[in-house]
Amino acid sequence: MKKIFICLCLCAMALFASAQNMGLKEITIPASVKVIYPDAFGGCGNLKRVIVQSETPPVAYGSSFNISYNDTSRDYKIILKVPDSSIDVYKDNFLQVL
């Protein structure tokens, strides 16, 4: 599974929602998601792109995107795409979790 599109009615990403999915490269999080719980995407070491559709950043925990599970042997980078009008808000409130 390379991409995940989350149901528009979902309001939270549960613990380990897609954990250890090494095939996952991209995820689209709809505006309905208000919370991303710890390790929702833990261990998804090939995740490269996260698209968040909400203008207000969802609450996310420091380990929500713990894609490496503390593997320091690789340089993990994720591209975050958000609404243009919300870039500064995401910089202030969301980037620390990626």
PDB file of N, CA and C in Angstrom:
ATOM      1  N   MET A   1       0.846  -1.170   0.000  1.00  0.00           N
ATOM      2  CA  MET A   1       0.000   0.000   0.000  1.00  0.00           C
ATOM      3  C   MET A   1       0.894   1.236   0.000  1.00  0.00           C
ATOM      4  N   LYS A   2       0.840   2.022  -1.041  1.00  0.00           N
ATOM      5  CA  LYS A   2       1.696   3.198  -1.156  1.00  0.00           C
ATOM      6  C   LYS A   2       1.039   4.472  -0.666  1.00  0.00           C
ATOM      7  N   LYS A   3      -0.279   4.573  -0.811  1.00  0.00           N
ATOM      8  CA  LYS A   3      -1.000   5.781  -0.418  1.00  0.00           C
ATOM      9  C   LYS A   3      -2.204   5.405   0.429  1.00  0.00           C
ATOM     10  N   ILE A   4      -2.517   6.284   1.381  1.00  0.00           N
ATOM     11  CA  ILE A   4      -3.719   6.108   2.176  1.00  0.00           C
ATOM     12  C   ILE A   4      -4.536   7.386   2.078  1.00  0.00           C
ATOM     13  N   PHE A   5      -5.810   7.229   1.773  1.00  0.00           N
ATOM     14  CA  PHE A   5      -6.753   8.336   1.800  1.00  0.00           C
ATOM     15  C   PHE A   5      -7.729   8.027   2.924  1.00  0.00           C
ATOM     16  N   ILE A   6      -7.809   8.914   3.881  1.00  0.00           N
ATOM     17  CA  ILE A   6      -8.609   8.675   5.069  1.00  0.00           C
ATOM     18  C   ILE A   6     -10.037   9.153   4.848  1.00  0.00           C
ATOM     19  N   CYS A   7     -10.979   8.406   5.364  1.00  0.00           N
ATOM     20  CA  CYS A   7     -12.400   8.730   5.258  1.00  0.00           C
ATOM     21  C   CYS A   7     -12.660  10.154   5.743  1.00  0.00           C
ATOM     22  N   LEU A   8     -13.467  10.894   5.036  1.00  0.00           N
ATOM     23  CA  LEU A   8     -13.769  12.276   5.390  1.00  0.00           C
ATOM     24  C   LEU A   8     -14.515  12.419   6.709  1.00  0.00           C
ATOM     25  N   CYS A   9     -15.093  11.337   7.217  1.00  0.00           N
ATOM     26  CA  CYS A   9     -15.836  11.416   8.469  1.00  0.00           C
ATOM     27  C   CYS A   9     -14.973  11.078   9.690  1.00  0.00           C
ATOM     28  N   LEU A  10     -13.745  10.646   9.485  1.00  0.00           N
ATOM     29  CA  LEU A  10     -12.872  10.276  10.591  1.00  0.00           C
ATOM     30  C   LEU A  10     -12.403  11.517  11.331  1.00  0.00           C
ATOM     31  N   CYS A  11     -12.428  11.474  12.676  1.00  0.00           N
ATOM     32  CA  CYS A  11     -12.030  12.654  13.445  1.00  0.00           C
ATOM     33  C   CYS A  11     -10.727  12.465  14.194  1.00  0.00           C
ATOM     34  N   ALA A  12     -10.177  11.243  14.228  1.00  0.00           N
ATOM     35  CA  ALA A  12      -8.904  11.015  14.924  1.00  0.00           C
ATOM     36  C   ALA A  12      -8.182   9.838  14.298  1.00  0.00           C
ATOM     37  N   MET A  13      -6.848   9.905  14.333  1.00  0.00           N
ATOM     38  CA  MET A  13      -6.007   8.789  13.903  1.00  0.00           C
ATOM     39  C   MET A  13      -5.577   8.060  15.169  1.00  0.00           C
ATOM     40  N   ALA A  14      -5.950   6.806  15.306  1.00  0.00           N
ATOM     41  CA  ALA A  14      -5.723   6.043  16.529  1.00  0.00           C
ATOM     42  C   ALA A  14      -4.253   5.654  16.699  1.00  0.00           C
ATOM     43  N   LEU A  15      -3.938   5.228  17.924  1.00  0.00           N
ATOM     44  CA  LEU A  15      -2.615   4.669  18.201  1.00  0.00           C
ATOM     45  C   LEU A  15      -2.326   3.560  17.196  1.00  0.00           C
ATOM     46  N   PHE A  16      -1.159   3.597  16.602  1.00  0.00           N
ATOM     47  CA  PHE A  16      -0.709   2.559  15.668  1.00  0.00           C
ATOM     48  C   PHE A  16      -1.662   2.340  14.493  1.00  0.00           C
ATOM     49  N   ALA A  17      -2.357   3.397  14.068  1.00  0.00           N
ATOM     50  CA  ALA A  17      -3.347   3.291  12.992  1.00  0.00           C
ATOM     51  C   ALA A  17      -2.769   2.660  11.729  1.00  0.00           C
ATOM     52  N   SER A  18      -1.559   3.029  11.403  1.00  0.00           N
ATOM     53  CA  SER A  18      -0.922   2.463  10.211  1.00  0.00           C
ATOM     54  C   SER A  18       0.538   2.141  10.507  1.00  0.00           C
ATOM     55  N   ALA A  19       0.823   1.824  11.737  1.00  0.00           N
ATOM     56  CA  ALA A  19       2.202   1.581  12.175  1.00  0.00           C
ATOM     57  C   ALA A  19       2.841   0.412  11.431  1.00  0.00           C
ATOM     58  N   GLN A  20       4.142   0.537  11.248  1.00  0.00           N
ATOM     59  CA  GLN A  20       4.975  -0.500  10.632  1.00  0.00           C
ATOM     60  C   GLN A  20       4.608  -0.797   9.177  1.00  0.00           C
ATOM     61  N   ASN A  21       3.973   0.120   8.499  1.00  0.00           N
ATOM     62  CA  ASN A  21       3.625  -0.061   7.096  1.00  0.00           C
ATOM     63  C   ASN A  21       4.770   0.512   6.262  1.00  0.00           C
ATOM     64  N   MET A  22       5.764  -0.300   5.973  1.00  0.00           N
ATOM     65  CA  MET A  22       6.949   0.163   5.253  1.00  0.00           C
ATOM     66  C   MET A  22       6.653   0.496   3.794  1.00  0.00           C
ATOM     67  N   GLY A  23       5.526   0.052   3.272  1.00  0.00           N
ATOM     68  CA  GLY A  23       5.159   0.375   1.903  1.00  0.00           C
ATOM     69  C   GLY A  23       4.505   1.736   1.765  1.00  0.00           C
ATOM     70  N   LEU A  24       4.078   2.308   2.878  1.00  0.00           N
ATOM     71  CA  LEU A  24       3.364   3.582   2.851  1.00  0.00           C
ATOM     72  C   LEU A  24       4.315   4.722   2.483  1.00  0.00           C
ATOM     73  N   LYS A  25       3.981   5.448   1.426  1.00  0.00           N
ATOM     74  CA  LYS A  25       4.806   6.566   0.969  1.00  0.00           C
ATOM     75  C   LYS A  25       4.101   7.910   1.107  1.00  0.00           C
ATOM     76  N   GLU A  26       2.774   7.896   1.080  1.00  0.00           N
ATOM     77  CA  GLU A  26       2.020   9.150   1.121  1.00  0.00           C
ATOM     78  C   GLU A  26       0.708   8.939   1.860  1.00  0.00           C
ATOM     79  N   ILE A  27       0.323   9.955   2.620  1.00  0.00           N
ATOM     80  CA  ILE A  27      -0.963   9.912   3.310  1.00  0.00           C
ATOM     81  C   ILE A  27      -1.649  11.253   3.173  1.00  0.00           C
ATOM     82  N   THR A  28      -2.955  11.218   2.928  1.00  0.00           N
ATOM     83  CA  THR A  28      -3.777  12.419   2.888  1.00  0.00           C
ATOM     84  C   THR A  28      -4.681  12.396   4.110  1.00  0.00           C
ATOM     85  N   ILE A  29      -4.559  13.432   4.941  1.00  0.00           N
ATOM     86  CA  ILE A  29      -5.348  13.543   6.161  1.00  0.00           C
ATOM     87  C   ILE A  29      -6.407  14.612   5.933  1.00  0.00           C
ATOM     88  N   PRO A  30      -7.686  14.227   5.948  1.00  0.00           N
ATOM     89  CA  PRO A  30      -8.752  15.194   5.659  1.00  0.00           C
ATOM     90  C   PRO A  30      -8.930  16.194   6.801  1.00  0.00           C
ATOM     91  N   ALA A  31      -9.628  17.266   6.503  1.00  0.00           N
ATOM     92  CA  ALA A  31      -9.863  18.331   7.484  1.00  0.00           C
ATOM     93  C   ALA A  31     -10.663  17.838   8.685  1.00  0.00           C
ATOM     94  N   SER A  32     -11.362  16.742   8.559  1.00  0.00           N
ATOM     95  CA  SER A  32     -12.159  16.216   9.670  1.00  0.00           C
ATOM     96  C   SER A  32     -11.300  15.670  10.814  1.00  0.00           C
ATOM     97  N   VAL A  33     -10.055  15.303  10.522  1.00  0.00           N
ATOM     98  CA  VAL A  33      -9.174  14.745  11.562  1.00  0.00           C
ATOM     99  C   VAL A  33      -8.675  15.870  12.452  1.00  0.00           C
ATOM    100  N   LYS A  34      -8.984  15.766  13.736  1.00  0.00           N
ATOM    101  CA  LYS A  34      -8.607  16.792  14.712  1.00  0.00           C
ATOM    102  C   LYS A  34      -7.458  16.353  15.613  1.00  0.00           C
ATOM    103  N   VAL A  35      -7.213  15.025  15.707  1.00  0.00           N
ATOM    104  CA  VAL A  35      -6.167  14.489  16.584  1.00  0.00           C
ATOM    105  C   VAL A  35      -5.444  13.350  15.875  1.00  0.00           C
ATOM    106  N   ILE A  36      -4.113  13.345  15.979  1.00  0.00           N
ATOM    107  CA  ILE A  36      -3.297  12.234  15.491  1.00  0.00           C
ATOM    108  C   ILE A  36      -2.558  11.699  16.715  1.00  0.00           C
ATOM    109  N   TYR A  37      -2.958  10.518  17.174  1.00  0.00           N
ATOM    110  CA  TYR A  37      -2.428   9.964  18.412  1.00  0.00           C
ATOM    111  C   TYR A  37      -1.010   9.414  18.228  1.00  0.00           C
ATOM    112  N   PRO A  38      -0.302   9.223  19.352  1.00  0.00           N
ATOM    113  CA  PRO A  38       1.083   8.736  19.276  1.00  0.00           C
ATOM    114  C   PRO A  38       1.217   7.473  18.434  1.00  0.00           C
ATOM    115  N   ASP A  39       2.298   7.440  17.684  1.00  0.00           N
ATOM    116  CA  ASP A  39       2.666   6.293  16.852  1.00  0.00           C
ATOM    117  C   ASP A  39       1.617   5.893  15.826  1.00  0.00           C
ATOM    118  N   ALA A  40       0.732   6.816  15.455  1.00  0.00           N
ATOM    119  CA  ALA A  40      -0.248   6.504  14.413  1.00  0.00           C
ATOM    120  C   ALA A  40       0.460   6.036  13.143  1.00  0.00           C
ATOM    121  N   PHE A  41       1.626   6.612  12.880  1.00  0.00           N
ATOM    122  CA  PHE A  41       2.402   6.227  11.697  1.00  0.00           C
ATOM    123  C   PHE A  41       3.803   5.787  12.101  1.00  0.00           C
ATOM    124  N   GLY A  42       3.924   5.263  13.309  1.00  0.00           N
ATOM    125  CA  GLY A  42       5.217   4.807  13.813  1.00  0.00           C
ATOM    126  C   GLY A  42       5.799   3.690  12.964  1.00  0.00           C
ATOM    127  N   GLY A  43       7.059   3.800  12.662  1.00  0.00           N
ATOM    128  CA  GLY A  43       7.744   2.767  11.910  1.00  0.00           C
ATOM    129  C   GLY A  43       7.470   2.750  10.420  1.00  0.00           C
ATOM    130  N   CYS A  44       6.785   3.746   9.896  1.00  0.00           N
ATOM    131  CA  CYS A  44       6.520   3.840   8.450  1.00  0.00           C
ATOM    132  C   CYS A  44       7.725   4.515   7.801  1.00  0.00           C
ATOM    133  N   GLY A  45       8.822   3.810   7.757  1.00  0.00           N
ATOM    134  CA  GLY A  45      10.112   4.373   7.366  1.00  0.00           C
ATOM    135  C   GLY A  45      10.215   4.891   5.949  1.00  0.00           C
ATOM    136  N   ASN A  46       9.272   4.561   5.095  1.00  0.00           N
ATOM    137  CA  ASN A  46       9.319   5.049   3.715  1.00  0.00           C
ATOM    138  C   ASN A  46       8.301   6.160   3.447  1.00  0.00           C
ATOM    139  N   LEU A  47       7.653   6.641   4.503  1.00  0.00           N
ATOM    140  CA  LEU A  47       6.692   7.735   4.350  1.00  0.00           C
ATOM    141  C   LEU A  47       7.435   8.997   3.917  1.00  0.00           C
ATOM    142  N   LYS A  48       7.039   9.551   2.788  1.00  0.00           N
ATOM    143  CA  LYS A  48       7.733  10.705   2.211  1.00  0.00           C
ATOM    144  C   LYS A  48       6.881  11.964   2.156  1.00  0.00           C
ATOM    145  N   ARG A  49       5.548  11.802   2.144  1.00  0.00           N
ATOM    146  CA  ARG A  49       4.691  12.963   1.925  1.00  0.00           C
ATOM    147  C   ARG A  49       3.428  12.840   2.774  1.00  0.00           C
ATOM    148  N   VAL A  50       3.133  13.917   3.518  1.00  0.00           N
ATOM    149  CA  VAL A  50       1.916  13.997   4.316  1.00  0.00           C
ATOM    150  C   VAL A  50       1.143  15.217   3.840  1.00  0.00           C
ATOM    151  N   ILE A  51      -0.077  14.997   3.390  1.00  0.00           N
ATOM    152  CA  ILE A  51      -0.951  16.080   2.931  1.00  0.00           C
ATOM    153  C   ILE A  51      -2.031  16.259   3.989  1.00  0.00           C
ATOM    154  N   VAL A  52      -2.075  17.437   4.598  1.00  0.00           N
ATOM    155  CA  VAL A  52      -3.089  17.726   5.612  1.00  0.00           C
ATOM    156  C   VAL A  52      -4.016  18.788   5.028  1.00  0.00           C
ATOM    157  N   GLN A  53      -5.297  18.480   4.947  1.00  0.00           N
ATOM    158  CA  GLN A  53      -6.246  19.362   4.273  1.00  0.00           C
ATOM    159  C   GLN A  53      -6.862  20.422   5.180  1.00  0.00           C
ATOM    160  N   SER A  54      -6.681  20.305   6.482  1.00  0.00           N
ATOM    161  CA  SER A  54      -7.280  21.249   7.417  1.00  0.00           C
ATOM    162  C   SER A  54      -6.484  22.545   7.509  1.00  0.00           C
ATOM    163  N   GLU A  55      -7.193  23.666   7.560  1.00  0.00           N
ATOM    164  CA  GLU A  55      -6.519  24.952   7.746  1.00  0.00           C
ATOM    165  C   GLU A  55      -5.989  25.092   9.167  1.00  0.00           C
ATOM    166  N   THR A  56      -6.608  24.403  10.107  1.00  0.00           N
ATOM    167  CA  THR A  56      -6.144  24.383  11.495  1.00  0.00           C
ATOM    168  C   THR A  56      -5.403  23.073  11.725  1.00  0.00           C
ATOM    169  N   PRO A  57      -4.154  23.119  12.158  1.00  0.00           N
ATOM    170  CA  PRO A  57      -3.413  21.873  12.357  1.00  0.00           C
ATOM    171  C   PRO A  57      -4.099  20.959  13.373  1.00  0.00           C
ATOM    172  N   PRO A  58      -4.161  19.672  13.075  1.00  0.00           N
ATOM    173  CA  PRO A  58      -4.694  18.749  14.065  1.00  0.00           C
ATOM    174  C   PRO A  58      -3.724  18.657  15.241  1.00  0.00           C
ATOM    175  N   VAL A  59      -4.234  18.287  16.395  1.00  0.00           N
ATOM    176  CA  VAL A  59      -3.361  18.037  17.537  1.00  0.00           C
ATOM    177  C   VAL A  59      -2.570  16.778  17.202  1.00  0.00           C
ATOM    178  N   ALA A  60      -1.272  16.873  17.265  1.00  0.00           N
ATOM    179  CA  ALA A  60      -0.419  15.719  16.984  1.00  0.00           C
ATOM    180  C   ALA A  60       0.637  15.622  18.074  1.00  0.00           C
ATOM    181  N   TYR A  61       0.945  14.419  18.434  1.00  0.00           N
ATOM    182  CA  TYR A  61       1.921  14.173  19.489  1.00  0.00           C
ATOM    183  C   TYR A  61       3.299  13.975  18.879  1.00  0.00           C
ATOM    184  N   GLY A  62       4.325  14.197  19.671  1.00  0.00           N
ATOM    185  CA  GLY A  62       5.702  14.120  19.189  1.00  0.00           C
ATOM    186  C   GLY A  62       6.054  12.812  18.528  1.00  0.00           C
ATOM    187  N   SER A  63       5.355  11.759  18.894  1.00  0.00           N
ATOM    188  CA  SER A  63       5.654  10.458  18.299  1.00  0.00           C
ATOM    189  C   SER A  63       4.626  10.028  17.254  1.00  0.00           C
ATOM    190  N   SER A  64       3.734  10.922  16.860  1.00  0.00           N
ATOM    191  CA  SER A  64       2.706  10.564  15.871  1.00  0.00           C
ATOM    192  C   SER A  64       3.319  10.056  14.573  1.00  0.00           C
ATOM    193  N   PHE A  65       4.413  10.681  14.175  1.00  0.00           N
ATOM    194  CA  PHE A  65       5.100  10.308  12.933  1.00  0.00           C
ATOM    195  C   PHE A  65       6.495   9.785  13.247  1.00  0.00           C
ATOM    196  N   ASN A  66       6.611   8.954  14.256  1.00  0.00           N
ATOM    197  CA  ASN A  66       7.899   8.386  14.654  1.00  0.00           C
ATOM    198  C   ASN A  66       8.288   7.314  13.640  1.00  0.00           C
ATOM    199  N   ILE A  67       8.549   7.756  12.419  1.00  0.00           N
ATOM    200  CA  ILE A  67       8.735   6.814  11.315  1.00  0.00           C
ATOM    201  C   ILE A  67       9.984   5.969  11.455  1.00  0.00           C
ATOM    202  N   SER A  68      10.965   6.458  12.182  1.00  0.00           N
ATOM    203  CA  SER A  68      12.228   5.730  12.266  1.00  0.00           C
ATOM    204  C   SER A  68      12.316   4.829  13.480  1.00  0.00           C
ATOM    205  N   TYR A  69      11.416   4.995  14.438  1.00  0.00           N
ATOM    206  CA  TYR A  69      11.555   4.320  15.726  1.00  0.00           C
ATOM    207  C   TYR A  69      12.980   4.482  16.244  1.00  0.00           C
ATOM    208  N   ASN A  70      13.444   5.735  16.150  1.00  0.00           N
ATOM    209  CA  ASN A  70      14.763   6.149  16.648  1.00  0.00           C
ATOM    210  C   ASN A  70      15.932   5.526  15.901  1.00  0.00           C
ATOM    211  N   ASP A  71      15.709   5.107  14.670  1.00  0.00           N
ATOM    212  CA  ASP A  71      16.795   4.615  13.816  1.00  0.00           C
ATOM    213  C   ASP A  71      17.552   5.823  13.293  1.00  0.00           C
ATOM    214  N   THR A  72      18.743   6.058  13.774  1.00  0.00           N
ATOM    215  CA  THR A  72      19.521   7.224  13.365  1.00  0.00           C
ATOM    216  C   THR A  72      20.452   6.922  12.195  1.00  0.00           C
ATOM    217  N   SER A  73      20.369   5.729  11.636  1.00  0.00           N
ATOM    218  CA  SER A  73      21.256   5.377  10.532  1.00  0.00           C
ATOM    219  C   SER A  73      20.802   5.951   9.195  1.00  0.00           C
ATOM    220  N   ARG A  74      19.575   6.464   9.134  1.00  0.00           N
ATOM    221  CA  ARG A  74      19.044   7.058   7.902  1.00  0.00           C
ATOM    222  C   ARG A  74      18.601   8.474   8.179  1.00  0.00           C
ATOM    223  N   ASP A  75      18.600   9.273   7.127  1.00  0.00           N
ATOM    224  CA  ASP A  75      18.115  10.648   7.215  1.00  0.00           C
ATOM    225  C   ASP A  75      16.675  10.667   6.716  1.00  0.00           C
ATOM    226  N   TYR A  76      15.733  10.698   7.645  1.00  0.00           N
ATOM    227  CA  TYR A  76      14.315  10.668   7.299  1.00  0.00           C
ATOM    228  C   TYR A  76      13.805  12.077   7.076  1.00  0.00           C
ATOM    229  N   LYS A  77      13.157  12.293   5.937  1.00  0.00           N
ATOM    230  CA  LYS A  77      12.556  13.587   5.633  1.00  0.00           C
ATOM    231  C   LYS A  77      11.163  13.352   5.092  1.00  0.00           C
ATOM    232  N   ILE A  78      10.233  14.186   5.553  1.00  0.00           N
ATOM    233  CA  ILE A  78       8.854  14.100   5.090  1.00  0.00           C
ATOM    234  C   ILE A  78       8.447  15.462   4.537  1.00  0.00           C
ATOM    235  N   ILE A  79       7.834  15.455   3.360  1.00  0.00           N
ATOM    236  CA  ILE A  79       7.273  16.680   2.788  1.00  0.00           C
ATOM    237  C   ILE A  79       5.878  16.849   3.369  1.00  0.00           C
ATOM    238  N   LEU A  80       5.617  18.020   3.923  1.00  0.00           N
ATOM    239  CA  LEU A  80       4.309  18.336   4.486  1.00  0.00           C
ATOM    240  C   LEU A  80       3.619  19.333   3.577  1.00  0.00           C
ATOM    241  N   LYS A  81       2.435  18.961   3.062  1.00  0.00           N
ATOM    242  CA  LYS A  81       1.649  19.865   2.215  1.00  0.00           C
ATOM    243  C   LYS A  81       0.402  20.258   2.992  1.00  0.00           C
ATOM    244  N   VAL A  82       0.208  21.577   3.122  1.00  0.00           N
ATOM    245  CA  VAL A  82      -0.940  22.122   3.856  1.00  0.00           C
ATOM    246  C   VAL A  82      -1.565  23.229   3.026  1.00  0.00           C
ATOM    247  N   PRO A  83      -2.763  23.686   3.389  1.00  0.00           N
ATOM    248  CA  PRO A  83      -3.362  24.801   2.658  1.00  0.00           C
ATOM    249  C   PRO A  83      -2.441  26.030   2.699  1.00  0.00           C
ATOM    250  N   ASP A  84      -2.321  26.724   1.572  1.00  0.00           N
ATOM    251  CA  ASP A  84      -1.434  27.888   1.475  1.00  0.00           C
ATOM    252  C   ASP A  84      -1.703  28.925   2.558  1.00  0.00           C
ATOM    253  N   SER A  85      -2.959  29.116   2.901  1.00  0.00           N
ATOM    254  CA  SER A  85      -3.321  30.130   3.887  1.00  0.00           C
ATOM    255  C   SER A  85      -2.901  29.754   5.307  1.00  0.00           C
ATOM    256  N   SER A  86      -2.439  28.535   5.500  1.00  0.00           N
ATOM    257  CA  SER A  86      -2.135  28.046   6.846  1.00  0.00           C
ATOM    258  C   SER A  86      -0.674  27.693   7.073  1.00  0.00           C
ATOM    259  N   ILE A  87       0.182  28.015   6.146  1.00  0.00           N
ATOM    260  CA  ILE A  87       1.586  27.611   6.252  1.00  0.00           C
ATOM    261  C   ILE A  87       2.219  28.076   7.560  1.00  0.00           C
ATOM    262  N   ASP A  88       2.036  29.335   7.920  1.00  0.00           N
ATOM    263  CA  ASP A  88       2.661  29.847   9.145  1.00  0.00           C
ATOM    264  C   ASP A  88       2.121  29.165  10.395  1.00  0.00           C
ATOM    265  N   VAL A  89       0.840  28.878  10.422  1.00  0.00           N
ATOM    266  CA  VAL A  89       0.243  28.206  11.578  1.00  0.00           C
ATOM    267  C   VAL A  89       0.844  26.811  11.735  1.00  0.00           C
ATOM    268  N   TYR A  90       1.025  26.103  10.643  1.00  0.00           N
ATOM    269  CA  TYR A  90       1.627  24.775  10.703  1.00  0.00           C
ATOM    270  C   TYR A  90       3.095  24.854  11.121  1.00  0.00           C
ATOM    271  N   LYS A  91       3.813  25.847  10.645  1.00  0.00           N
ATOM    272  CA  LYS A  91       5.213  26.004  11.056  1.00  0.00           C
ATOM    273  C   LYS A  91       5.314  26.161  12.564  1.00  0.00           C
ATOM    274  N   ASP A  92       4.393  26.906  13.146  1.00  0.00           N
ATOM    275  CA  ASP A  92       4.415  27.172  14.586  1.00  0.00           C
ATOM    276  C   ASP A  92       3.895  26.010  15.425  1.00  0.00           C
ATOM    277  N   ASN A  93       2.994  25.209  14.875  1.00  0.00           N
ATOM    278  CA  ASN A  93       2.274  24.240  15.698  1.00  0.00           C
ATOM    279  C   ASN A  93       2.352  22.777  15.273  1.00  0.00           C
ATOM    280  N   PHE A  94       3.015  22.456  14.187  1.00  0.00           N
ATOM    281  CA  PHE A  94       2.922  21.079  13.699  1.00  0.00           C
ATOM    282  C   PHE A  94       4.278  20.490  13.321  1.00  0.00           C
ATOM    283  N   LEU A  95       5.191  21.300  12.859  1.00  0.00           N
ATOM    284  CA  LEU A  95       6.436  20.758  12.313  1.00  0.00           C
ATOM    285  C   LEU A  95       7.256  19.972  13.324  1.00  0.00           C
ATOM    286  N   GLN A  96       7.117  20.257  14.611  1.00  0.00           N
ATOM    287  CA  GLN A  96       7.902  19.550  15.604  1.00  0.00           C
ATOM    288  C   GLN A  96       7.565  18.059  15.676  1.00  0.00           C
ATOM    289  N   VAL A  97       6.438  17.652  15.124  1.00  0.00           N
ATOM    290  CA  VAL A  97       6.076  16.237  15.173  1.00  0.00           C
ATOM    291  C   VAL A  97       6.577  15.451  13.969  1.00  0.00           C
ATOM    292  N   LEU A  98       7.092  16.140  12.973  1.00  0.00           N
ATOM    293  CA  LEU A  98       7.585  15.428  11.786  1.00  0.00           C
ATOM    294  C   LEU A  98       9.065  15.147  11.884  1.00  0.00           C
TER     295      LEU A  98
END
